[in-house]
Amino acid sequence: MDEAVSYVPADELRVGLFVFVDLPWFRHPFAFDRFKIKTDSQIAQLKELGVARFRVDPARSDMPAPPPVVADTPAAPALPAEPAPVPDADTLARQRRRERNAARRARIARVERAFASAGQAVKEANRNLVARPGESLAALNQLVGDMAESMLSAPEVTLHAMADRIGGTETYCHELNTAVMSLMLARQLELPEGQVPLLGLGALVHDIGLAEIPDKVVKKRDPLTHAEAELRKLHCEYGVKRGHEIGLPPPVLAIIGQHHENWDGSGYPKGVSADRIHPLARVVALVNEYDNLCNPPDVMRALTPYEALSVLFTQRRNRFEGRVLQLLVRQLGVYPPGTVVALSDDRLGMVVSVNSRAPLRPGVMVYQPELPRDESSILNLAQVPEINIAKALRAADLPREVHDYLSPRTRVAYFFDTEVDLEVDQPACEAAA
């Protein structure tokens, strides 16, 4: 059967071909990873995936249409072609910028679709974890397996800040955020291969015990009373009990039970410390704390990603294993995605991505009021060493027009891709514009 499969370049896709989408399910928008192309819209979606060629099965494809019949008439004499006008330097620069921006938007759109799909899968699986544990765990394991394979096999991984809403739907998902960042850390920690899926699964289900806590406590925006705080702490024990009931493996149960334990023994529920905390739980505990600082129930109390990382490193470092904390800072960079910044050339921008190859030189969307927002440059600081980030800014301190343009996230959500970083506009061209 494999002998009948061949490859077709993306530009030669057509209606009727039976095509295979050889990507993890969360990296494409289709219900199945193999199907017969029926519409031009499907062709457009396939081309947006950025795949150079696709496997096709000729046996399951429609027969190609016969070539058009050309009438046997004498060819008209060819007229000399007029020379095409040579565009000036400014026109060429604008054209290159548009092409780069189109490629960037297509890449971000692919990441956002994958993120929205993964978030929906996590929320649905967690909702049904008790009623349909087998089905839900299979879905979560599939998601974790695909993400882990993508992250661990790629030469570089880029972490993107996601929009608050995609397609009109709120996208933030604490469990997915925790899993993505935990798996990113797994790359740096060089965990044994069998431990990585357990880390990802534990991150996705670490809060299952919250289902036993009243919503009025879980979602309360004001500070909890002492009684409410003590009640909320029980979610770790409730989660372990529920995890036992549905057959979760011991390392995942350890994550559920210990994701609020601290390295210095100041955590809960048992106040264990240091090596008594499971290695995987140490990772999730740190990432969970970072995400909670960025995304508390009351968004008015949220810290910026830069502030959250600073608090962890300067005020709470004794609560976490030093090596894991250092790797988180190295992975996110000093200015994590979602941070509003002032650049050394006096321009303002927002960090939108950080690449594992150069975490201290992130991608920054620049405020350029002379351009529409969707045409603004993403400055890859790894490619322009003469420009640095001067300082981080709070979104609330931005002038209204800058805030509206950069559109800082209310909730900080992350997702990843494994594409090589796109080329970007050079700053000299933009400064002269």
Protein backbone atom coordinates (compact mmCIF):
# COMPACT_ATOMS: atom_id res chain seq x y z
CA MET A 1 0.00 0.00 0.00
CA ASP A 2 2.86 2.40 0.85
CA GLU A 3 4.24 2.00 -2.68
CA ALA A 4 1.15 3.76 -4.04
CA VAL A 5 1.72 6.85 -1.91
CA SER A 6 3.50 9.77 -3.56
CA TYR A 7 4.18 13.41 -2.79
CA VAL A 8 2.74 16.58 -4.28
CA PRO A 9 4.15 20.11 -3.76
CA ALA A 10 1.80 22.40 -1.85
CA ASP A 11 1.41 24.65 -4.90
CA GLU A 12 0.09 21.71 -6.95
CA LEU A 13 -2.70 20.64 -4.59
CA ARG A 14 -6.10 20.38 -6.26
CA VAL A 15 -9.63 19.26 -5.52
CA GLY A 16 -9.92 15.47 -5.68
CA LEU A 17 -6.53 14.56 -4.23
CA PHE A 18 -6.52 12.27 -1.19
CA VAL A 19 -4.02 13.97 1.09
CA PHE A 20 -2.24 13.13 4.37
CA VAL A 21 -1.55 15.91 6.88
CA ASP A 22 1.60 14.65 8.61
CA LEU A 23 1.39 17.01 11.58
CA PRO A 24 0.21 16.64 15.20
CA TRP A 25 -3.57 17.13 15.39
CA PHE A 26 -3.24 20.40 17.27
CA ARG A 27 -1.10 21.89 14.47
CA HIS A 28 -3.86 21.81 11.83
CA PRO A 29 -7.57 22.76 11.73
CA PHE A 30 -8.93 19.60 10.10
CA ALA A 31 -11.07 16.98 11.82
CA PHE A 32 -8.97 14.16 10.28
CA ASP A 33 -5.33 13.93 9.25
CA ARG A 34 -6.19 12.27 5.92
CA PHE A 35 -9.04 13.15 3.58
CA LYS A 36 -10.01 13.89 0.00
CA ILE A 37 -9.77 17.59 -0.86
CA LYS A 38 -13.24 18.85 -1.77
CA THR A 39 -12.96 22.65 -1.80
CA ASP A 40 -10.57 25.44 -2.69
CA SER A 41 -10.90 26.60 0.92
CA GLN A 42 -9.30 23.35 2.10
CA ILE A 43 -6.45 23.91 -0.35
CA ALA A 44 -5.90 27.40 1.07
CA GLN A 45 -5.88 26.01 4.63
CA LEU A 46 -3.37 23.31 3.65
CA LYS A 47 -1.05 25.89 2.09
CA GLU A 48 -1.23 28.01 5.25
CA LEU A 49 0.28 25.13 7.24
CA GLY A 50 3.69 25.95 5.77
CA VAL A 51 4.35 22.36 4.59
CA ALA A 52 6.40 22.17 1.39
CA ARG A 53 4.84 18.93 0.08
CA PHE A 54 2.06 16.55 1.06
CA ARG A 55 1.70 12.78 0.84
CA VAL A 56 -1.15 11.76 -1.43
CA ASP A 57 -2.69 8.40 -2.28
CA PRO A 58 -3.38 8.20 -6.03
CA ALA A 59 -5.60 5.13 -5.53
CA ARG A 60 -8.01 7.12 -3.37
CA SER A 61 -7.77 10.31 -5.41
CA ASP A 62 -10.13 11.29 -8.22
CA MET A 63 -8.72 10.84 -11.72
CA PRO A 64 -7.06 14.01 -13.00
CA ALA A 65 -9.06 16.01 -15.50
CA PRO A 66 -8.00 15.57 -19.13
CA PRO A 67 -5.79 18.36 -20.47
CA PRO A 68 -7.70 21.04 -22.41
CA VAL A 69 -7.92 20.57 -26.18
CA VAL A 70 -6.07 23.30 -28.02
CA ALA A 71 -7.43 24.25 -31.44
CA ASP A 72 -5.05 23.75 -34.34
CA THR A 73 -4.80 27.39 -35.35
CA PRO A 74 -1.73 29.28 -36.33
CA ALA A 75 -0.16 31.12 -33.48
CA ALA A 76 -0.38 34.87 -33.56
CA PRO A 77 2.94 36.59 -34.00
CA ALA A 78 4.46 37.48 -30.68
CA LEU A 79 4.59 41.15 -29.88
CA PRO A 80 7.72 42.49 -28.29
CA ALA A 81 7.18 42.72 -24.56
CA GLU A 82 7.44 46.10 -22.96
CA PRO A 83 10.08 46.21 -20.25
CA ALA A 84 8.56 46.07 -16.78
CA PRO A 85 9.02 49.23 -14.75
CA VAL A 86 11.79 48.94 -12.19
CA PRO A 87 10.41 49.69 -8.69
CA ASP A 88 12.32 52.19 -6.59
CA ALA A 89 13.99 51.30 -3.31
CA ASP A 90 11.09 52.54 -1.17
CA THR A 91 8.58 50.47 -3.14
CA LEU A 92 10.77 47.36 -2.84
CA ALA A 93 11.15 47.92 0.92
CA ARG A 94 7.38 48.24 1.38
CA GLN A 95 6.80 45.12 -0.71
CA ARG A 96 9.30 43.12 1.34
CA ARG A 97 7.68 44.36 4.55
CA ARG A 98 4.23 43.32 3.32
CA GLU A 99 5.52 39.87 2.37
CA ARG A 100 7.20 39.40 5.74
CA ASN A 101 4.12 40.58 7.57
CA ALA A 102 1.90 38.23 5.55
CA ALA A 103 4.18 35.32 6.44
CA ARG A 104 4.20 36.41 10.10
CA ARG A 105 0.42 36.70 10.25
CA ALA A 106 0.04 33.27 8.66
CA ARG A 107 2.44 31.79 11.21
CA ILE A 108 0.68 33.43 14.16
CA ALA A 109 -2.70 32.33 12.80
CA ARG A 110 -1.47 28.73 12.70
CA VAL A 111 -0.22 28.94 16.28
CA GLU A 112 -3.48 30.54 17.45
CA ARG A 113 -5.57 27.82 15.79
CA ALA A 114 -3.45 25.13 17.42
CA PHE A 115 -3.69 26.91 20.77
CA ALA A 116 -7.46 27.32 20.60
CA SER A 117 -7.90 23.67 19.60
CA ALA A 118 -5.63 22.43 22.40
CA GLY A 119 -7.31 24.65 24.98
CA GLN A 120 -10.75 23.41 24.02
CA ALA A 121 -9.56 19.80 24.21
CA VAL A 122 -8.11 20.34 27.70
CA LYS A 123 -11.24 22.04 29.05
CA GLU A 124 -13.52 19.34 27.64
CA ALA A 125 -11.34 16.48 28.89
CA ASN A 126 -11.09 17.94 32.40
CA ARG A 127 -14.87 18.46 32.51
CA ASN A 128 -15.43 14.79 31.69
CA LEU A 129 -12.56 13.32 33.70
CA VAL A 130 -14.84 11.71 36.29
CA ALA A 131 -17.78 10.75 34.07
CA ARG A 132 -15.64 9.40 31.20
CA PRO A 133 -12.12 8.95 32.59
CA GLY A 134 -10.87 6.56 29.91
CA GLU A 135 -11.89 8.80 27.04
CA SER A 136 -10.67 11.97 28.76
CA LEU A 137 -7.27 10.56 29.72
CA ALA A 138 -6.78 9.24 26.19
CA ALA A 139 -7.40 12.74 24.81
CA LEU A 140 -5.05 14.37 27.32
CA ASN A 141 -2.33 11.77 26.73
CA GLN A 142 -2.64 12.29 22.97
CA LEU A 143 -2.27 16.04 23.37
CA VAL A 144 0.70 15.72 25.72
CA GLY A 145 2.38 13.16 23.49
CA ASP A 146 2.06 15.37 20.42
CA MET A 147 3.33 18.47 22.24
CA ALA A 148 6.24 16.62 23.83
CA GLU A 149 7.29 15.05 20.54
CA SER A 150 7.20 18.42 18.78
CA MET A 151 9.16 20.22 21.50
CA LEU A 152 11.80 17.58 22.14
CA SER A 153 12.56 16.77 18.51
CA ALA A 154 12.80 20.35 17.23
CA PRO A 155 16.14 22.21 17.10
CA GLU A 156 14.43 25.32 18.47
CA VAL A 157 11.07 26.22 20.00
CA THR A 158 9.40 29.63 20.00
CA LEU A 159 7.01 30.61 22.79
CA HIS A 160 4.29 33.03 21.68
CA ALA A 161 1.97 35.29 23.66
CA MET A 162 -1.58 34.48 22.56
CA ALA A 163 -4.51 36.85 22.10
CA ASP A 164 -7.13 37.06 24.86
CA ARG A 165 -9.84 35.97 22.46
CA ILE A 166 -9.58 33.94 19.25
CA GLY A 167 -12.65 33.74 17.05
CA GLY A 168 -14.72 35.45 19.74
CA THR A 169 -13.86 32.79 22.35
CA GLU A 170 -11.90 33.43 25.55
CA THR A 171 -8.70 31.46 25.18
CA TYR A 172 -6.97 31.49 28.57
CA CYS A 173 -6.57 28.02 30.09
CA HIS A 174 -4.46 27.74 33.24
CA GLU A 175 -3.89 24.00 32.82
CA LEU A 176 -2.66 24.38 29.23
CA ASN A 177 -0.43 27.33 30.17
CA THR A 178 1.09 25.24 32.95
CA ALA A 179 1.64 22.26 30.65
CA VAL A 180 3.24 24.28 27.83
CA MET A 181 5.74 25.98 30.13
CA SER A 182 6.45 22.74 32.03
CA LEU A 183 7.23 20.93 28.78
CA MET A 184 9.43 23.83 27.67
CA LEU A 185 11.38 23.37 30.90
CA ALA A 186 11.59 19.63 30.25
CA ARG A 187 13.75 20.43 27.21
CA GLN A 188 16.22 22.29 29.40
CA LEU A 189 16.12 19.80 32.27
CA GLU A 190 16.87 16.90 29.91
CA LEU A 191 14.44 14.66 31.74
CA PRO A 192 14.38 10.94 30.89
CA GLU A 193 12.10 10.48 27.89
CA GLY A 194 9.49 8.52 29.83
CA GLN A 195 9.15 11.29 32.42
CA VAL A 196 8.18 14.03 29.96
CA PRO A 197 4.63 12.78 29.15
CA LEU A 198 4.01 12.26 32.88
CA LEU A 199 5.09 15.85 33.55
CA GLY A 200 2.77 17.14 30.84
CA LEU A 201 -0.19 15.07 32.02
CA GLY A 202 0.39 16.10 35.63
CA ALA A 203 0.43 19.76 34.60
CA LEU A 204 -2.88 19.34 32.76
CA VAL A 205 -4.65 17.70 35.73
CA HIS A 206 -2.85 19.27 38.71
CA ASP A 207 -5.96 21.20 39.76
CA ILE A 208 -8.61 18.47 39.36
CA GLY A 209 -9.32 18.70 43.08
CA LEU A 210 -10.72 22.22 42.63
CA ALA A 211 -13.90 20.59 41.30
CA GLU A 212 -14.65 19.69 44.93
CA ILE A 213 -14.30 23.30 46.12
CA PRO A 214 -17.29 25.69 45.78
CA ASP A 215 -17.04 28.09 42.83
CA LYS A 216 -17.64 31.04 45.14
CA VAL A 217 -14.26 30.25 46.71
CA VAL A 218 -12.36 29.18 43.58
CA LYS A 219 -13.44 32.20 41.52
CA LYS A 220 -13.57 34.78 44.30
CA ARG A 221 -11.83 37.99 43.24
CA ASP A 222 -11.42 39.54 46.68
CA PRO A 223 -8.82 38.12 49.10
CA LEU A 224 -9.98 34.87 50.68
CA THR A 225 -10.89 34.74 54.35
CA HIS A 226 -8.80 32.40 56.52
CA ALA A 227 -11.58 29.78 56.43
CA GLU A 228 -11.89 30.06 52.64
CA ALA A 229 -8.13 29.78 52.18
CA GLU A 230 -8.00 26.65 54.33
CA LEU A 231 -10.89 25.15 52.36
CA ARG A 232 -9.17 25.90 49.06
CA LYS A 233 -5.98 24.19 50.24
CA LEU A 234 -7.89 20.92 50.43
CA HIS A 235 -7.95 20.71 46.62
CA CYS A 236 -4.56 18.97 46.66
CA GLU A 237 -5.84 16.11 48.82
CA TYR A 238 -9.14 15.96 46.96
CA GLY A 239 -7.22 15.82 43.68
CA VAL A 240 -5.05 12.91 44.79
CA LYS A 241 -8.16 10.99 45.88
CA ARG A 242 -9.84 11.63 42.55
CA GLY A 243 -6.65 10.72 40.69
CA HIS A 244 -6.48 7.38 42.50
CA GLU A 245 -10.08 6.67 41.53
CA ILE A 246 -9.43 7.17 37.81
CA GLY A 247 -6.11 5.32 37.81
CA LEU A 248 -3.53 8.07 37.36
CA PRO A 249 0.11 6.89 37.68
CA PRO A 250 2.09 7.70 40.87
CA PRO A 251 4.24 10.53 39.39
CA VAL A 252 1.08 12.32 38.24
CA LEU A 253 -0.49 11.84 41.67
CA ALA A 254 2.67 13.34 43.19
CA ILE A 255 2.27 16.43 41.00
CA ILE A 256 -1.37 16.80 42.04
CA GLY A 257 -0.55 16.40 45.72
CA GLN A 258 2.63 18.49 45.83
CA HIS A 259 2.18 21.36 43.36
CA HIS A 260 1.80 23.78 46.30
CA GLU A 261 4.72 22.40 48.32
CA ASN A 262 7.76 24.69 48.61
CA TRP A 263 11.47 23.89 48.55
CA ASP A 264 11.91 25.58 51.96
CA GLY A 265 9.05 23.63 53.55
CA SER A 266 6.63 26.57 53.72
CA GLY A 267 4.04 25.10 51.37
CA TYR A 268 1.04 22.82 51.77
CA PRO A 269 -0.65 20.37 52.31
CA LYS A 270 2.15 18.56 54.20
CA GLY A 271 4.94 21.13 54.40
CA VAL A 272 7.52 18.78 52.88
CA SER A 273 10.74 20.29 51.57
CA ALA A 274 13.65 19.86 49.17
CA ASP A 275 14.27 16.29 48.01
CA ARG A 276 11.02 15.07 49.60
CA ILE A 277 9.18 16.89 46.81
CA HIS A 278 8.89 14.81 43.64
CA PRO A 279 11.16 16.22 40.86
CA LEU A 280 8.23 16.63 38.47
CA ALA A 281 6.14 18.38 41.14
CA ARG A 282 8.96 20.91 41.61
CA VAL A 283 8.60 21.96 37.98
CA VAL A 284 4.81 22.27 38.05
CA ALA A 285 4.91 24.11 41.41
CA LEU A 286 7.11 26.83 39.93
CA VAL A 287 5.21 27.21 36.67
CA ASN A 288 1.89 27.16 38.52
CA GLU A 289 3.06 30.01 40.77
CA TYR A 290 4.26 32.07 37.79
CA ASP A 291 0.95 31.66 35.97
CA ASN A 292 -1.07 32.47 39.10
CA LEU A 293 0.88 35.71 39.55
CA CYS A 294 0.16 36.70 35.94
CA ASN A 295 -3.44 35.48 35.93
CA PRO A 296 -5.18 35.81 39.32
CA PRO A 297 -9.00 35.67 39.53
CA ASP A 298 -9.02 39.48 39.78
CA VAL A 299 -7.14 40.76 36.72
CA MET A 300 -6.63 44.10 38.46
CA ARG A 301 -4.21 42.31 40.80
CA ALA A 302 -2.27 40.69 37.95
CA LEU A 303 1.47 41.19 37.65
CA THR A 304 3.09 41.69 34.27
CA PRO A 305 5.17 38.71 33.10
CA TYR A 306 8.31 40.74 33.84
CA GLU A 307 7.09 41.56 37.36
CA ALA A 308 6.03 37.96 38.03
CA LEU A 309 9.45 36.62 37.05
CA SER A 310 11.12 39.31 39.17
CA VAL A 311 9.00 38.43 42.22
CA LEU A 312 9.86 34.74 41.88
CA PHE A 313 13.57 35.41 41.54
CA THR A 314 14.02 38.17 44.13
CA GLN A 315 11.32 37.52 46.75
CA ARG A 316 10.34 33.86 46.52
CA ARG A 317 13.43 32.07 45.29
CA ASN A 318 13.73 30.02 48.51
CA ARG A 319 10.40 28.39 47.70
CA PHE A 320 11.67 26.68 44.55
CA GLU A 321 14.56 24.49 43.49
CA GLY A 322 17.29 26.88 42.35
CA ARG A 323 18.16 25.03 39.15
CA VAL A 324 14.55 24.90 37.98
CA LEU A 325 14.02 28.60 38.71
CA GLN A 326 17.18 29.56 36.82
CA LEU A 327 16.05 27.50 33.84
CA LEU A 328 12.63 29.17 33.85
CA VAL A 329 14.29 32.60 33.73
CA ARG A 330 16.58 31.39 30.97
CA GLN A 331 13.64 29.93 29.04
CA LEU A 332 11.34 32.96 29.30
CA GLY A 333 14.12 35.53 29.13
CA VAL A 334 14.26 38.59 31.34
CA TYR A 335 11.31 40.04 29.42
CA PRO A 336 8.79 37.20 28.86
CA PRO A 337 6.19 37.29 26.07
CA GLY A 338 3.41 39.71 26.92
CA THR A 339 5.76 42.30 28.48
CA VAL A 340 5.41 45.92 27.28
CA VAL A 341 8.86 47.47 26.81
CA ALA A 342 10.76 50.62 25.92
CA LEU A 343 13.61 50.03 23.47
CA SER A 344 17.04 51.65 23.55
CA ASP A 345 16.15 53.68 20.42
CA ASP A 346 13.19 55.23 22.34
CA ARG A 347 10.50 53.22 20.57
CA LEU A 348 7.81 51.33 22.47
CA GLY A 349 6.72 47.77 21.84
CA MET A 350 5.47 44.50 23.28
CA VAL A 351 7.38 41.23 23.51
CA VAL A 352 5.36 38.73 21.48
CA SER A 353 7.70 35.73 21.30
CA VAL A 354 10.87 34.27 22.74
CA ASN A 355 12.99 31.67 20.98
CA SER A 356 14.78 28.90 22.87
CA ARG A 357 17.92 29.61 20.84
CA ALA A 358 18.16 33.25 22.01
CA PRO A 359 15.81 33.82 24.98
CA LEU A 360 17.43 37.13 25.96
CA ARG A 361 16.79 38.60 22.50
CA PRO A 362 13.00 38.24 22.00
CA GLY A 363 10.66 39.27 19.21
CA VAL A 364 9.11 42.70 19.84
CA MET A 365 6.09 44.17 18.04
CA VAL A 366 6.95 47.84 17.60
CA TYR A 367 4.52 50.75 18.03
CA GLN A 368 4.47 52.43 14.60
CA PRO A 369 1.51 54.83 14.39
CA GLU A 370 2.24 55.52 10.72
CA LEU A 371 1.36 51.89 9.91
CA PRO A 372 -1.76 49.81 10.56
CA ARG A 373 -1.28 47.44 13.50
CA ASP A 374 -1.31 44.35 11.29
CA GLU A 375 1.55 45.83 9.24
CA SER A 376 3.74 46.78 12.19
CA SER A 377 7.22 45.29 12.39
CA ILE A 378 8.21 42.46 14.67
CA LEU A 379 11.77 43.29 15.58
CA ASN A 380 13.86 40.19 16.21
CA LEU A 381 16.44 41.48 18.65
CA ALA A 382 18.64 38.46 17.95
CA GLN A 383 19.16 39.92 14.47
CA VAL A 384 19.68 43.55 15.52
CA PRO A 385 22.28 43.53 18.32
CA GLU A 386 22.55 47.32 18.30
CA ILE A 387 19.05 47.62 19.84
CA ASN A 388 18.26 46.50 23.38
CA ILE A 389 15.31 46.59 25.75
CA ALA A 390 15.78 49.58 28.05
CA LYS A 391 13.04 48.76 30.55
CA ALA A 392 9.69 47.07 31.10
CA LEU A 393 6.51 49.16 31.34
CA ARG A 394 3.10 48.61 32.89
CA ALA A 395 0.29 48.59 30.36
CA ALA A 396 -1.72 50.97 32.54
CA ASP A 397 1.01 53.61 32.19
CA LEU A 398 0.89 53.68 28.38
CA PRO A 399 -0.74 56.56 26.49
CA ARG A 400 -4.19 55.50 25.26
CA GLU A 401 -3.18 55.40 21.59
CA VAL A 402 -0.14 53.21 22.33
CA HIS A 403 -2.19 50.88 24.54
CA ASP A 404 -4.85 50.47 21.85
CA TYR A 405 -2.19 49.78 19.20
CA LEU A 406 -0.13 47.24 21.14
CA SER A 407 -3.24 45.74 22.78
CA PRO A 408 -1.55 44.19 25.85
CA ARG A 409 -3.15 40.94 27.00
CA THR A 410 -5.54 40.98 29.95
CA ARG A 411 -4.71 37.32 30.50
CA VAL A 412 -1.22 36.02 29.71
CA ALA A 413 -1.50 32.84 27.66
CA TYR A 414 1.32 31.02 25.88
CA PHE A 415 1.64 28.51 23.09
CA PHE A 416 4.54 27.33 20.99
CA ASP A 417 5.68 26.41 17.53
CA THR A 418 8.82 24.80 16.15
CA GLU A 419 9.29 26.81 12.97
CA VAL A 420 12.56 28.61 12.38
CA ASP A 421 12.18 32.29 13.26
CA LEU A 422 10.95 34.48 10.44
CA GLU A 423 13.05 37.24 8.93
CA VAL A 424 12.07 40.68 10.16
CA ASP A 425 12.29 44.29 9.12
CA GLN A 426 15.58 45.96 9.82
CA PRO A 427 15.26 48.92 12.14
CA ALA A 428 17.10 51.39 9.95
CA CYS A 429 14.43 51.15 7.26
CA GLU A 430 11.63 51.61 9.75
CA ALA A 431 13.26 54.52 11.54
CA ALA A 432 13.58 56.34 8.25
CA ALA A 433 9.96 55.66 7.24
